[in-house]
């Protein structure tokens, strides 16, 4: 997959949310995390500039205002410290890739347990397919917000491929174990 051109500049959301109820803060934090934003400091989050990022942050700004909070969305060409911001963004993506790699290890261990226990049923296959789909979707989300090619992407991709191959082998075994006439 060709590397996209690095985005020019950053979008910075500066916000304040009432301290109660605390679920409002958690909601904003989860949304920013899902977008891949990094915190420059408390209540100041940044994302590489882009149409999708701008749309998502504008929507979040609107939601913060509806929570009786305040929010300002700014475009920024960083004068000093750009490399620190980029490094923080890269570290966040690398951490997500590392989590995916760990979860892939767990997925492969689960498949191995099915072999050890001789659980070759369609119910187990379906459960494993759901787990694999979650992993693949998660990887796709992280890759979509990985605008600078963070370390760990290739290893995470390879780990996901191993999971896919293990799932295919397990599916073949389930089909081979299927009783005659069904």
N, C-alpha and C. Protein backbone atom coordinates (compact mmCIF):
# COMPACT_ATOMS: atom_id res chain seq x y z
N UNK A 1 0.85 -1.17 0.00
CA UNK A 1 0.00 0.00 0.00
C UNK A 1 0.90 1.23 0.00
N UNK A 2 0.71 2.17 -0.95
CA UNK A 2 1.57 3.35 -1.00
C UNK A 2 1.31 4.25 0.20
N UNK A 3 2.38 4.87 0.67
CA UNK A 3 2.28 5.78 1.80
C UNK A 3 1.65 7.08 1.34
N UNK A 4 0.64 7.54 2.08
CA UNK A 4 -0.02 8.80 1.75
C UNK A 4 0.92 9.95 2.05
N UNK A 5 0.71 11.07 1.36
CA UNK A 5 1.48 12.26 1.66
C UNK A 5 1.14 12.72 3.07
N UNK A 6 2.15 13.16 3.78
CA UNK A 6 1.93 13.63 5.14
C UNK A 6 1.04 14.86 5.11
N UNK A 7 0.08 14.94 6.03
CA UNK A 7 -0.81 16.09 6.06
C UNK A 7 -0.06 17.37 6.42
N UNK A 8 -0.60 18.47 5.96
CA UNK A 8 -0.01 19.77 6.28
C UNK A 8 -0.73 20.36 7.48
N UNK A 9 -0.03 20.52 8.56
CA UNK A 9 -0.60 21.17 9.72
C UNK A 9 -1.43 20.25 10.60
N UNK A 10 -2.02 20.89 11.61
CA UNK A 10 -2.77 20.17 12.61
C UNK A 10 -4.07 20.89 12.89
N UNK A 11 -5.04 20.14 13.37
CA UNK A 11 -6.27 20.71 13.90
C UNK A 11 -6.17 20.55 15.41
N UNK A 12 -6.47 21.63 16.12
CA UNK A 12 -6.34 21.63 17.57
C UNK A 12 -7.70 21.99 18.17
N UNK A 13 -8.20 21.12 19.05
CA UNK A 13 -9.45 21.35 19.75
C UNK A 13 -9.12 21.69 21.20
N UNK A 14 -9.53 22.89 21.61
CA UNK A 14 -9.36 23.34 22.98
C UNK A 14 -10.76 23.40 23.57
N UNK A 15 -10.98 22.67 24.66
CA UNK A 15 -12.34 22.59 25.19
C UNK A 15 -12.36 22.60 26.71
N UNK A 16 -13.54 22.88 27.22
CA UNK A 16 -13.78 22.80 28.66
C UNK A 16 -15.19 22.21 28.81
N UNK A 17 -15.29 21.24 29.71
CA UNK A 17 -16.57 20.56 29.95
C UNK A 17 -16.88 20.68 31.44
N UNK A 18 -18.16 20.87 31.78
CA UNK A 18 -18.51 20.91 33.21
C UNK A 18 -18.00 19.64 33.90
N UNK A 19 -17.57 19.78 35.14
CA UNK A 19 -16.99 18.63 35.86
C UNK A 19 -18.03 17.57 36.20
N UNK A 20 -19.29 17.94 36.26
CA UNK A 20 -20.35 16.96 36.53
C UNK A 20 -21.39 17.05 35.43
N UNK A 21 -21.93 15.99 34.98
CA UNK A 21 -21.60 14.60 35.31
C UNK A 21 -20.29 14.19 34.61
N UNK A 22 -19.53 13.32 35.24
CA UNK A 22 -18.22 12.92 34.72
C UNK A 22 -18.33 12.14 33.41
N UNK A 23 -19.48 11.56 33.15
CA UNK A 23 -19.64 10.79 31.91
C UNK A 23 -19.43 11.66 30.68
N UNK A 24 -19.69 12.97 30.79
CA UNK A 24 -19.49 13.86 29.65
C UNK A 24 -18.00 13.93 29.28
N UNK A 25 -17.15 14.05 30.28
CA UNK A 25 -15.70 14.06 30.04
C UNK A 25 -15.26 12.74 29.40
N UNK A 26 -15.78 11.66 29.93
CA UNK A 26 -15.42 10.34 29.41
C UNK A 26 -15.87 10.19 27.96
N UNK A 27 -17.04 10.71 27.65
CA UNK A 27 -17.56 10.64 26.28
C UNK A 27 -16.62 11.36 25.32
N UNK A 28 -16.21 12.56 25.68
CA UNK A 28 -15.32 13.34 24.81
C UNK A 28 -13.98 12.63 24.69
N UNK A 29 -13.45 12.15 25.80
CA UNK A 29 -12.17 11.43 25.77
C UNK A 29 -12.24 10.22 24.83
N UNK A 30 -13.32 9.43 24.94
CA UNK A 30 -13.47 8.24 24.08
C UNK A 30 -13.55 8.63 22.61
N UNK A 31 -14.28 9.69 22.31
CA UNK A 31 -14.41 10.13 20.91
C UNK A 31 -13.06 10.57 20.36
N UNK A 32 -12.32 11.33 21.14
CA UNK A 32 -11.01 11.79 20.69
C UNK A 32 -10.06 10.61 20.50
N UNK A 33 -10.11 9.65 21.41
CA UNK A 33 -9.27 8.45 21.30
C UNK A 33 -9.63 7.67 20.04
N UNK A 34 -10.92 7.54 19.76
CA UNK A 34 -11.36 6.81 18.57
C UNK A 34 -10.90 7.49 17.29
N UNK A 35 -10.78 8.81 17.33
CA UNK A 35 -10.30 9.54 16.16
C UNK A 35 -8.79 9.44 16.01
N UNK A 36 -8.11 9.05 17.09
CA UNK A 36 -6.66 8.98 17.07
C UNK A 36 -5.99 10.26 17.50
N UNK A 37 -6.76 11.18 18.10
CA UNK A 37 -6.21 12.45 18.56
C UNK A 37 -5.22 12.23 19.70
N UNK A 38 -4.29 13.15 19.80
CA UNK A 38 -3.35 13.13 20.92
C UNK A 38 -3.60 14.36 21.77
N UNK A 39 -3.33 14.22 23.05
CA UNK A 39 -3.48 15.36 23.96
C UNK A 39 -2.16 16.10 24.04
N UNK A 40 -2.22 17.41 23.79
CA UNK A 40 -1.06 18.26 23.96
C UNK A 40 -0.94 18.68 25.42
N UNK A 41 -2.08 18.79 26.07
CA UNK A 41 -2.20 19.00 27.51
C UNK A 41 -3.67 18.79 27.85
N UNK A 42 -4.04 18.95 29.10
CA UNK A 42 -5.44 18.73 29.49
C UNK A 42 -6.37 19.57 28.63
N UNK A 43 -7.37 18.93 28.08
CA UNK A 43 -8.41 19.58 27.28
C UNK A 43 -7.90 20.28 26.03
N UNK A 44 -6.75 19.85 25.53
CA UNK A 44 -6.21 20.36 24.27
C UNK A 44 -5.74 19.16 23.46
N UNK A 45 -6.49 18.84 22.40
CA UNK A 45 -6.19 17.65 21.60
C UNK A 45 -5.88 18.06 20.16
N UNK A 46 -5.03 17.27 19.50
CA UNK A 46 -4.62 17.58 18.14
C UNK A 46 -4.74 16.36 17.23
N UNK A 47 -5.05 16.64 15.98
CA UNK A 47 -5.09 15.63 14.92
C UNK A 47 -4.43 16.23 13.69
N UNK A 48 -3.78 15.40 12.87
CA UNK A 48 -3.28 15.92 11.60
C UNK A 48 -4.45 16.50 10.80
N UNK A 49 -4.21 17.62 10.15
CA UNK A 49 -5.26 18.29 9.38
C UNK A 49 -5.72 17.40 8.23
N UNK A 50 -7.00 17.46 7.94
CA UNK A 50 -7.60 16.72 6.84
C UNK A 50 -9.11 16.90 6.89
N UNK A 51 -9.75 16.63 5.77
CA UNK A 51 -11.21 16.83 5.69
C UNK A 51 -11.96 15.98 6.70
N UNK A 52 -11.61 14.69 6.80
CA UNK A 52 -12.32 13.81 7.73
C UNK A 52 -12.09 14.24 9.18
N UNK A 53 -10.84 14.59 9.50
CA UNK A 53 -10.53 15.04 10.85
C UNK A 53 -11.30 16.31 11.18
N UNK A 54 -11.33 17.23 10.24
CA UNK A 54 -12.04 18.49 10.49
C UNK A 54 -13.52 18.24 10.71
N UNK A 55 -14.12 17.41 9.87
CA UNK A 55 -15.55 17.11 10.01
C UNK A 55 -15.83 16.49 11.38
N UNK A 56 -15.00 15.53 11.78
CA UNK A 56 -15.21 14.85 13.06
C UNK A 56 -15.01 15.80 14.24
N UNK A 57 -14.02 16.66 14.17
CA UNK A 57 -13.78 17.60 15.27
C UNK A 57 -14.83 18.70 15.32
N UNK A 58 -15.33 19.12 14.16
CA UNK A 58 -16.43 20.10 14.16
C UNK A 58 -17.67 19.50 14.83
N UNK A 59 -17.94 18.25 14.52
CA UNK A 59 -19.09 17.57 15.12
C UNK A 59 -18.90 17.45 16.64
N UNK A 60 -17.69 17.06 17.05
CA UNK A 60 -17.42 16.93 18.48
C UNK A 60 -17.50 18.29 19.17
N UNK A 61 -17.01 19.33 18.54
CA UNK A 61 -17.12 20.68 19.10
C UNK A 61 -18.58 21.03 19.35
N UNK A 62 -19.42 20.74 18.38
CA UNK A 62 -20.85 20.99 18.51
C UNK A 62 -21.43 20.22 19.71
N UNK A 63 -21.04 18.96 19.84
CA UNK A 63 -21.53 18.14 20.96
C UNK A 63 -21.06 18.71 22.30
N UNK A 64 -19.83 19.19 22.35
CA UNK A 64 -19.32 19.78 23.60
C UNK A 64 -20.13 21.02 23.96
N UNK A 65 -20.45 21.83 22.98
CA UNK A 65 -21.27 23.02 23.23
C UNK A 65 -22.65 22.63 23.75
N UNK A 66 -23.20 21.53 23.23
CA UNK A 66 -24.50 21.05 23.70
C UNK A 66 -24.42 20.50 25.12
N UNK A 67 -23.21 20.17 25.58
CA UNK A 67 -23.00 19.68 26.95
C UNK A 67 -22.80 20.86 27.91
N UNK A 68 -23.08 22.06 27.45
CA UNK A 68 -22.84 23.29 28.21
C UNK A 68 -21.35 23.56 28.43
N UNK A 69 -20.54 23.04 27.51
CA UNK A 69 -19.10 23.28 27.58
C UNK A 69 -18.71 24.38 26.62
N UNK A 70 -17.41 24.61 26.52
CA UNK A 70 -16.88 25.55 25.55
C UNK A 70 -15.86 24.80 24.70
N UNK A 71 -15.74 25.20 23.44
CA UNK A 71 -14.79 24.53 22.56
C UNK A 71 -14.40 25.45 21.41
N UNK A 72 -13.12 25.43 21.10
CA UNK A 72 -12.59 26.19 19.98
C UNK A 72 -11.80 25.21 19.12
N UNK A 73 -12.04 25.21 17.83
CA UNK A 73 -11.31 24.37 16.91
C UNK A 73 -10.43 25.27 16.06
N UNK A 74 -9.14 24.98 16.05
CA UNK A 74 -8.19 25.82 15.33
C UNK A 74 -7.36 24.98 14.37
N UNK A 75 -6.98 25.60 13.26
CA UNK A 75 -6.00 25.01 12.36
C UNK A 75 -4.65 25.59 12.77
N UNK A 76 -3.62 24.76 12.77
CA UNK A 76 -2.33 25.21 13.24
C UNK A 76 -1.21 24.68 12.36
N UNK A 77 -0.33 25.59 11.98
CA UNK A 77 0.94 25.20 11.40
C UNK A 77 1.93 25.40 12.55
N UNK A 78 2.40 24.31 13.12
CA UNK A 78 3.24 24.40 14.32
C UNK A 78 4.55 25.08 13.97
N UNK A 79 4.90 26.09 14.72
CA UNK A 79 6.15 26.81 14.49
C UNK A 79 7.32 26.09 15.15
N UNK A 80 7.11 25.66 16.39
CA UNK A 80 8.16 24.96 17.12
C UNK A 80 7.53 23.73 17.78
N UNK A 81 8.25 22.64 17.78
CA UNK A 81 7.75 21.44 18.45
C UNK A 81 6.99 20.48 17.56
N UNK A 82 6.98 20.72 16.26
CA UNK A 82 6.27 19.83 15.33
C UNK A 82 6.75 18.38 15.49
N UNK A 83 8.06 18.20 15.59
CA UNK A 83 8.57 16.82 15.69
C UNK A 83 8.10 16.15 16.97
N UNK A 84 7.97 16.91 18.07
CA UNK A 84 7.45 16.33 19.32
C UNK A 84 6.01 15.90 19.16
N UNK A 85 5.21 16.72 18.50
CA UNK A 85 3.80 16.38 18.30
C UNK A 85 3.69 15.15 17.41
N UNK A 86 4.46 15.14 16.34
CA UNK A 86 4.43 13.99 15.43
C UNK A 86 4.90 12.73 16.16
N UNK A 87 5.95 12.84 16.97
CA UNK A 87 6.45 11.68 17.72
C UNK A 87 5.38 11.15 18.67
N UNK A 88 4.65 12.05 19.32
CA UNK A 88 3.58 11.63 20.23
C UNK A 88 2.47 10.92 19.45
N UNK A 89 2.13 11.47 18.30
CA UNK A 89 1.11 10.85 17.44
C UNK A 89 1.58 9.46 16.99
N UNK A 90 2.84 9.36 16.57
CA UNK A 90 3.41 8.08 16.14
C UNK A 90 3.42 7.06 17.29
N UNK A 91 3.78 7.52 18.47
CA UNK A 91 3.83 6.62 19.63
C UNK A 91 2.44 6.08 19.95
N UNK A 92 1.42 6.93 19.79
CA UNK A 92 0.05 6.47 20.05
C UNK A 92 -0.36 5.39 19.05
N UNK A 93 0.00 5.57 17.78
CA UNK A 93 -0.33 4.55 16.78
C UNK A 93 0.47 3.28 17.02
N UNK A 94 1.75 3.42 17.35
CA UNK A 94 2.60 2.26 17.62
C UNK A 94 2.03 1.45 18.79
N UNK A 95 1.54 2.15 19.81
CA UNK A 95 0.94 1.48 20.97
C UNK A 95 -0.32 0.71 20.55
N UNK A 96 -1.11 1.31 19.67
CA UNK A 96 -2.31 0.61 19.18
C UNK A 96 -1.92 -0.63 18.38
N UNK A 97 -0.90 -0.50 17.54
CA UNK A 97 -0.45 -1.67 16.78
C UNK A 97 0.04 -2.76 17.73
N UNK A 98 0.74 -2.37 18.80
CA UNK A 98 1.23 -3.34 19.77
C UNK A 98 0.06 -4.06 20.45
N UNK A 99 -1.00 -3.34 20.76
CA UNK A 99 -2.20 -3.96 21.34
C UNK A 99 -2.80 -4.98 20.37
N UNK A 100 -2.84 -4.63 19.10
CA UNK A 100 -3.38 -5.54 18.09
C UNK A 100 -2.52 -6.80 18.02
N UNK A 101 -1.21 -6.62 18.03
CA UNK A 101 -0.30 -7.77 17.99
C UNK A 101 -0.55 -8.68 19.20
N UNK A 102 -0.70 -8.08 20.38
CA UNK A 102 -0.99 -8.86 21.59
C UNK A 102 -2.31 -9.62 21.46
N UNK A 103 -3.33 -8.94 20.97
CA UNK A 103 -4.64 -9.59 20.81
C UNK A 103 -4.57 -10.70 19.77
N UNK A 104 -3.75 -10.52 18.74
CA UNK A 104 -3.58 -11.58 17.75
C UNK A 104 -2.97 -12.82 18.42
N UNK A 105 -2.03 -12.60 19.33
CA UNK A 105 -1.45 -13.71 20.08
C UNK A 105 -2.52 -14.44 20.88
N UNK A 106 -3.41 -13.68 21.49
CA UNK A 106 -4.52 -14.28 22.23
C UNK A 106 -5.46 -15.05 21.32
N UNK A 107 -5.72 -14.50 20.14
CA UNK A 107 -6.57 -15.17 19.16
C UNK A 107 -5.95 -16.51 18.75
N UNK A 108 -4.66 -16.50 18.45
CA UNK A 108 -3.99 -17.73 18.04
C UNK A 108 -3.98 -18.76 19.17
N UNK A 109 -3.85 -18.30 20.40
CA UNK A 109 -3.89 -19.21 21.55
C UNK A 109 -5.28 -19.85 21.68
N UNK A 110 -6.33 -19.07 21.42
CA UNK A 110 -7.70 -19.61 21.46
C UNK A 110 -7.90 -20.68 20.38
N UNK A 111 -7.40 -20.40 19.20
CA UNK A 111 -7.51 -21.39 18.11
C UNK A 111 -6.77 -22.67 18.51
N UNK A 112 -5.60 -22.52 19.10
CA UNK A 112 -4.81 -23.68 19.55
C UNK A 112 -5.59 -24.47 20.60
N UNK A 113 -6.27 -23.77 21.51
CA UNK A 113 -7.08 -24.46 22.53
C UNK A 113 -8.17 -25.30 21.89
N UNK A 114 -8.76 -24.79 20.81
CA UNK A 114 -9.81 -25.55 20.11
C UNK A 114 -9.25 -26.87 19.59
N UNK A 115 -8.02 -26.84 19.09
CA UNK A 115 -7.38 -28.07 18.60
C UNK A 115 -7.11 -29.02 19.75
N UNK A 116 -6.57 -28.49 20.86
CA UNK A 116 -6.24 -29.32 22.01
C UNK A 116 -7.49 -30.00 22.56
N UNK A 117 -8.60 -29.26 22.62
CA UNK A 117 -9.85 -29.80 23.15
C UNK A 117 -10.68 -30.52 22.09
N UNK A 118 -10.19 -30.56 20.86
CA UNK A 118 -10.93 -31.14 19.73
C UNK A 118 -12.32 -30.54 19.58
N UNK A 119 -12.42 -29.24 19.72
CA UNK A 119 -13.67 -28.51 19.51
C UNK A 119 -13.72 -28.04 18.06
N UNK A 120 -14.28 -28.87 17.22
CA UNK A 120 -14.38 -28.52 15.80
C UNK A 120 -15.84 -28.40 15.42
N UNK A 121 -16.49 -27.38 15.96
CA UNK A 121 -17.92 -27.19 15.73
C UNK A 121 -18.15 -25.88 14.99
N UNK A 122 -19.30 -25.79 14.36
CA UNK A 122 -19.66 -24.55 13.66
C UNK A 122 -19.86 -23.40 14.65
N UNK A 123 -20.32 -23.70 15.85
CA UNK A 123 -20.50 -22.65 16.86
C UNK A 123 -19.15 -22.04 17.24
N UNK A 124 -18.15 -22.90 17.44
CA UNK A 124 -16.81 -22.40 17.77
C UNK A 124 -16.22 -21.63 16.59
N UNK A 125 -16.44 -22.14 15.38
CA UNK A 125 -15.95 -21.46 14.19
C UNK A 125 -16.57 -20.07 14.08
N UNK A 126 -17.86 -19.98 14.30
CA UNK A 126 -18.54 -18.70 14.21
C UNK A 126 -18.00 -17.71 15.25
N UNK A 127 -17.77 -18.20 16.45
CA UNK A 127 -17.22 -17.35 17.52
C UNK A 127 -15.83 -16.83 17.13
N UNK A 128 -15.02 -17.72 16.57
CA UNK A 128 -13.67 -17.31 16.14
C UNK A 128 -13.72 -16.35 14.95
N UNK A 129 -14.67 -16.55 14.07
CA UNK A 129 -14.82 -15.63 12.93
C UNK A 129 -15.19 -14.23 13.42
N UNK A 130 -16.08 -14.15 14.42
CA UNK A 130 -16.47 -12.86 14.99
C UNK A 130 -15.24 -12.18 15.61
N UNK A 131 -14.46 -12.95 16.36
CA UNK A 131 -13.26 -12.39 16.99
C UNK A 131 -12.26 -11.89 15.94
N UNK A 132 -12.07 -12.67 14.89
CA UNK A 132 -11.15 -12.25 13.82
C UNK A 132 -11.65 -10.98 13.14
N UNK A 133 -12.95 -10.91 12.87
CA UNK A 133 -13.51 -9.73 12.22
C UNK A 133 -13.29 -8.49 13.08
N UNK A 134 -13.44 -8.62 14.39
CA UNK A 134 -13.19 -7.50 15.30
C UNK A 134 -11.73 -7.05 15.20
N UNK A 135 -10.81 -8.00 15.19
CA UNK A 135 -9.40 -7.67 15.06
C UNK A 135 -9.11 -6.96 13.74
N UNK A 136 -9.65 -7.50 12.65
CA UNK A 136 -9.41 -6.92 11.33
C UNK A 136 -9.99 -5.51 11.24
N UNK A 137 -11.19 -5.31 11.79
CA UNK A 137 -11.80 -3.97 11.77
C UNK A 137 -11.00 -2.99 12.61
N UNK A 138 -10.52 -3.44 13.74
CA UNK A 138 -9.71 -2.59 14.61
C UNK A 138 -8.43 -2.17 13.88
N UNK A 139 -7.78 -3.14 13.24
CA UNK A 139 -6.56 -2.83 12.48
C UNK A 139 -6.86 -1.80 11.39
N UNK A 140 -7.97 -1.98 10.68
CA UNK A 140 -8.33 -1.04 9.61
C UNK A 140 -8.52 0.38 10.16
N UNK A 141 -9.13 0.49 11.34
CA UNK A 141 -9.33 1.82 11.95
C UNK A 141 -8.01 2.45 12.32
N UNK A 142 -7.12 1.67 12.91
CA UNK A 142 -5.81 2.21 13.30
C UNK A 142 -5.03 2.60 12.06
N UNK A 143 -5.03 1.74 11.06
CA UNK A 143 -4.29 2.04 9.82
C UNK A 143 -4.83 3.31 9.17
N UNK A 144 -6.14 3.51 9.22
CA UNK A 144 -6.74 4.70 8.60
C UNK A 144 -6.28 5.98 9.29
N UNK A 145 -6.03 5.93 10.60
CA UNK A 145 -5.58 7.15 11.28
C UNK A 145 -4.06 7.22 11.39
N UNK A 146 -3.36 6.23 10.90
CA UNK A 146 -1.90 6.20 10.90
C UNK A 146 -1.39 6.96 9.68
N UNK A 147 -1.36 8.26 9.77
CA UNK A 147 -1.05 9.09 8.62
C UNK A 147 0.45 9.25 8.34
N UNK A 148 1.28 8.76 9.25
CA UNK A 148 2.72 8.93 9.06
C UNK A 148 3.46 7.60 8.99
N UNK A 149 2.74 6.48 8.94
CA UNK A 149 3.40 5.18 8.86
C UNK A 149 4.13 4.81 10.14
N UNK A 150 3.39 4.66 11.23
CA UNK A 150 3.98 4.38 12.55
C UNK A 150 4.66 3.02 12.58
N UNK A 151 5.68 2.90 13.45
CA UNK A 151 6.32 1.60 13.62
C UNK A 151 5.30 0.59 14.16
N UNK A 152 5.45 -0.64 13.73
CA UNK A 152 4.55 -1.69 14.20
C UNK A 152 3.47 -2.05 13.21
N UNK A 153 3.23 -1.20 12.22
CA UNK A 153 2.17 -1.47 11.25
C UNK A 153 2.42 -2.78 10.51
N UNK A 154 3.63 -2.98 10.02
CA UNK A 154 3.95 -4.18 9.25
C UNK A 154 3.84 -5.43 10.12
N UNK A 155 4.32 -5.34 11.35
CA UNK A 155 4.26 -6.49 12.26
C UNK A 155 2.81 -6.81 12.61
N UNK A 156 2.00 -5.77 12.84
CA UNK A 156 0.58 -5.98 13.14
C UNK A 156 -0.13 -6.60 11.94
N UNK A 157 0.22 -6.15 10.76
CA UNK A 157 -0.37 -6.70 9.53
C UNK A 157 -0.02 -8.18 9.39
N UNK A 158 1.23 -8.52 9.67
CA UNK A 158 1.68 -9.92 9.59
C UNK A 158 0.98 -10.77 10.66
N UNK A 159 0.81 -10.23 11.85
CA UNK A 159 0.13 -10.97 12.92
C UNK A 159 -1.33 -11.23 12.54
N UNK A 160 -1.97 -10.23 11.95
CA UNK A 160 -3.35 -10.40 11.51
C UNK A 160 -3.44 -11.45 10.40
N UNK A 161 -2.46 -11.47 9.52
CA UNK A 161 -2.43 -12.46 8.45
C UNK A 161 -2.31 -13.88 9.03
N UNK A 162 -1.48 -14.03 10.09
CA UNK A 162 -1.35 -15.33 10.77
C UNK A 162 -2.69 -15.76 11.34
N UNK A 163 -3.42 -14.80 11.91
CA UNK A 163 -4.74 -15.10 12.47
C UNK A 163 -5.69 -15.56 11.37
N UNK A 164 -5.64 -14.87 10.25
CA UNK A 164 -6.50 -15.24 9.12
C UNK A 164 -6.18 -16.66 8.65
N UNK A 165 -4.90 -16.98 8.54
CA UNK A 165 -4.49 -18.31 8.10
C UNK A 165 -4.90 -19.38 9.12
N UNK A 166 -4.75 -19.08 10.39
CA UNK A 166 -5.14 -20.03 11.44
C UNK A 166 -6.65 -20.26 11.41
N UNK A 167 -7.41 -19.19 11.19
CA UNK A 167 -8.86 -19.32 11.11
C UNK A 167 -9.26 -20.17 9.91
N UNK A 168 -8.60 -19.96 8.78
CA UNK A 168 -8.90 -20.77 7.58
C UNK A 168 -8.58 -22.24 7.81
N UNK A 169 -7.46 -22.52 8.45
CA UNK A 169 -7.09 -23.91 8.75
C UNK A 169 -8.10 -24.53 9.71
N UNK A 170 -8.53 -23.76 10.72
CA UNK A 170 -9.51 -24.25 11.67
C UNK A 170 -10.84 -24.52 10.96
N UNK A 171 -11.24 -23.62 10.08
CA UNK A 171 -12.49 -23.80 9.34
C UNK A 171 -12.43 -25.09 8.51
N UNK A 172 -11.30 -25.32 7.87
CA UNK A 172 -11.14 -26.55 7.08
C UNK A 172 -11.30 -27.78 7.95
N UNK A 173 -10.76 -27.71 9.16
CA UNK A 173 -10.87 -28.84 10.08
C UNK A 173 -12.31 -29.04 10.53
N UNK A 174 -13.01 -27.93 10.79
CA UNK A 174 -14.44 -28.02 11.17
C UNK A 174 -15.22 -28.69 10.04
N UNK A 175 -14.94 -28.27 8.81
CA UNK A 175 -15.66 -28.85 7.67
C UNK A 175 -15.33 -30.33 7.51
N UNK A 176 -14.07 -30.70 7.77
CA UNK A 176 -13.66 -32.11 7.66
C UNK A 176 -14.31 -32.98 8.73
N UNK A 177 -14.59 -32.39 9.89
CA UNK A 177 -15.20 -33.11 11.01
C UNK A 177 -16.70 -33.22 10.89
N UNK A 178 -17.27 -32.50 9.92
CA UNK A 178 -18.73 -32.48 9.76
C UNK A 178 -19.23 -33.90 9.48
N UNK A 179 -20.25 -34.31 10.22
CA UNK A 179 -20.80 -35.66 10.00
C UNK A 179 -21.30 -35.83 8.56
N UNK A 180 -21.19 -37.05 8.07
CA UNK A 180 -21.69 -37.37 6.72
C UNK A 180 -23.17 -37.12 6.63
N UNK A 181 -23.62 -36.64 5.49
CA UNK A 181 -25.05 -36.46 5.24
C UNK A 181 -25.58 -35.15 5.75
N UNK A 182 -24.75 -34.26 6.28
CA UNK A 182 -25.23 -32.97 6.77
C UNK A 182 -24.79 -31.87 5.87
